[in-house]
Protein backbone atom coordinates (compact mmCIF):
# COMPACT_ATOMS: atom_id res chain seq x y z
CA MET A 1 66.45 122.97 27.22
CA SER A 2 66.87 119.66 28.97
CA ARG A 3 65.40 118.96 32.38
CA ILE A 4 67.56 118.25 35.40
CA SER A 5 66.83 114.99 37.17
CA GLU A 6 65.67 114.91 40.78
CA GLN A 7 68.91 113.16 41.73
CA LYS A 8 71.00 116.02 40.32
CA ILE A 9 68.79 118.65 41.99
CA LYS A 10 69.25 116.86 45.31
CA LYS A 11 73.04 116.86 44.77
CA ILE A 12 73.04 120.60 44.00
CA LYS A 13 71.04 121.25 47.19
CA GLU A 14 73.67 119.27 49.12
CA ILE A 15 76.41 121.43 47.57
CA ILE A 16 74.54 124.58 48.62
CA LEU A 17 74.12 123.32 52.18
CA SER A 18 77.76 122.28 52.36
CA PHE A 19 78.90 125.70 51.14
CA LEU A 20 76.75 127.49 53.72
CA PHE A 21 77.93 125.14 56.49
CA HIS A 22 81.63 125.65 55.78
CA ASN A 23 81.15 129.43 55.73
CA SER A 24 78.79 129.58 58.70
CA PRO A 25 77.62 131.82 60.45
CA LYS A 26 78.15 134.18 57.52
CA SER A 27 75.20 134.75 55.19
CA PHE A 28 75.50 134.99 51.41
CA TYR A 29 73.54 136.66 48.65
CA THR A 30 71.86 134.45 46.08
CA TYR A 31 74.36 135.71 43.52
CA GLY A 32 77.35 134.53 45.59
CA ILE A 33 75.88 131.07 46.06
CA ALA A 34 75.13 130.85 42.33
CA GLN A 35 78.72 131.83 41.53
CA GLU A 36 80.08 129.22 43.95
CA THR A 37 77.95 126.43 42.48
CA ALA A 38 78.37 127.63 38.85
CA ARG A 39 74.61 127.69 38.28
CA ASP A 40 71.99 130.17 37.14
CA GLU A 41 70.92 132.65 39.80
CA GLU A 42 67.16 132.07 39.30
CA PHE A 43 67.63 128.30 39.52
CA ILE A 44 69.60 128.64 42.78
CA LYS A 45 66.96 131.03 44.16
CA ARG A 46 64.26 128.41 43.50
CA LEU A 47 66.32 125.73 45.25
CA LEU A 48 66.99 128.02 48.21
CA GLN A 49 63.27 128.70 48.54
CA GLU A 50 62.63 124.94 48.57
CA LEU A 51 65.31 124.51 51.25
CA ALA A 52 63.67 127.30 53.26
CA LYS A 53 60.36 125.40 53.17
CA GLU A 54 62.23 122.38 54.54
CA GLU A 55 63.63 124.66 57.29
CA LEU A 56 67.25 124.05 56.31
CA VAL A 57 68.10 127.62 55.30
CA VAL A 58 66.68 130.95 56.35
CA LYS A 59 66.42 134.17 54.37
CA VAL A 60 68.09 137.20 55.94
CA ASP A 61 65.97 140.16 54.89
CA LYS A 62 67.63 142.97 56.83
CA ASN A 63 71.09 144.47 56.61
CA SER A 64 73.42 145.04 59.57
CA LYS A 65 71.71 148.39 60.30
CA GLY A 66 68.28 146.76 60.51
CA ILE A 67 67.02 148.18 57.23
CA LYS A 68 64.92 145.75 55.22
CA TYR A 69 66.22 144.76 51.77
CA LEU A 70 63.94 145.68 48.90
CA ARG A 71 65.32 143.35 46.21
CA ARG A 72 68.29 141.44 47.57
CA GLU A 73 68.18 138.20 49.52
CA ARG A 74 70.85 136.72 51.74
CA TRP A 75 70.77 133.16 53.00
CA ARG A 76 72.26 131.23 55.91
CA LEU A 77 71.82 127.83 57.53
CA THR A 78 69.25 127.43 60.26
CA ASN A 79 70.52 126.49 63.69
CA LYS A 80 68.80 123.09 63.34
CA ALA A 81 70.59 122.37 60.06
CA PHE A 82 73.93 123.57 61.45
CA LYS A 83 73.63 121.17 64.42
CA ALA A 84 72.72 118.30 62.09
CA TYR A 85 75.74 119.00 59.86
CA SER A 86 78.01 119.39 62.90
CA GLY A 87 76.97 115.96 64.09
CA LEU A 88 78.03 114.44 60.76
CA GLN A 89 81.51 115.97 60.86
């Protein structure tokens, strides 16, 4: 399998952030983001974890009733990232 260049990974991260910004404040499961970007779910999960380390996205680990997810992960933009994207618009 061929490796993806850093430039392409950066572009995919931008697509993820753009998708989350345009659908903000809603949070999405990893599967939904992978479907939107037409990429593998594990690959998108790794990129989302990298974006979380950069404090651009945050993992939502509880459902609307306050019960913690056991296996699923939802993601949304951080307030800091949303303000930065809003300034660019």
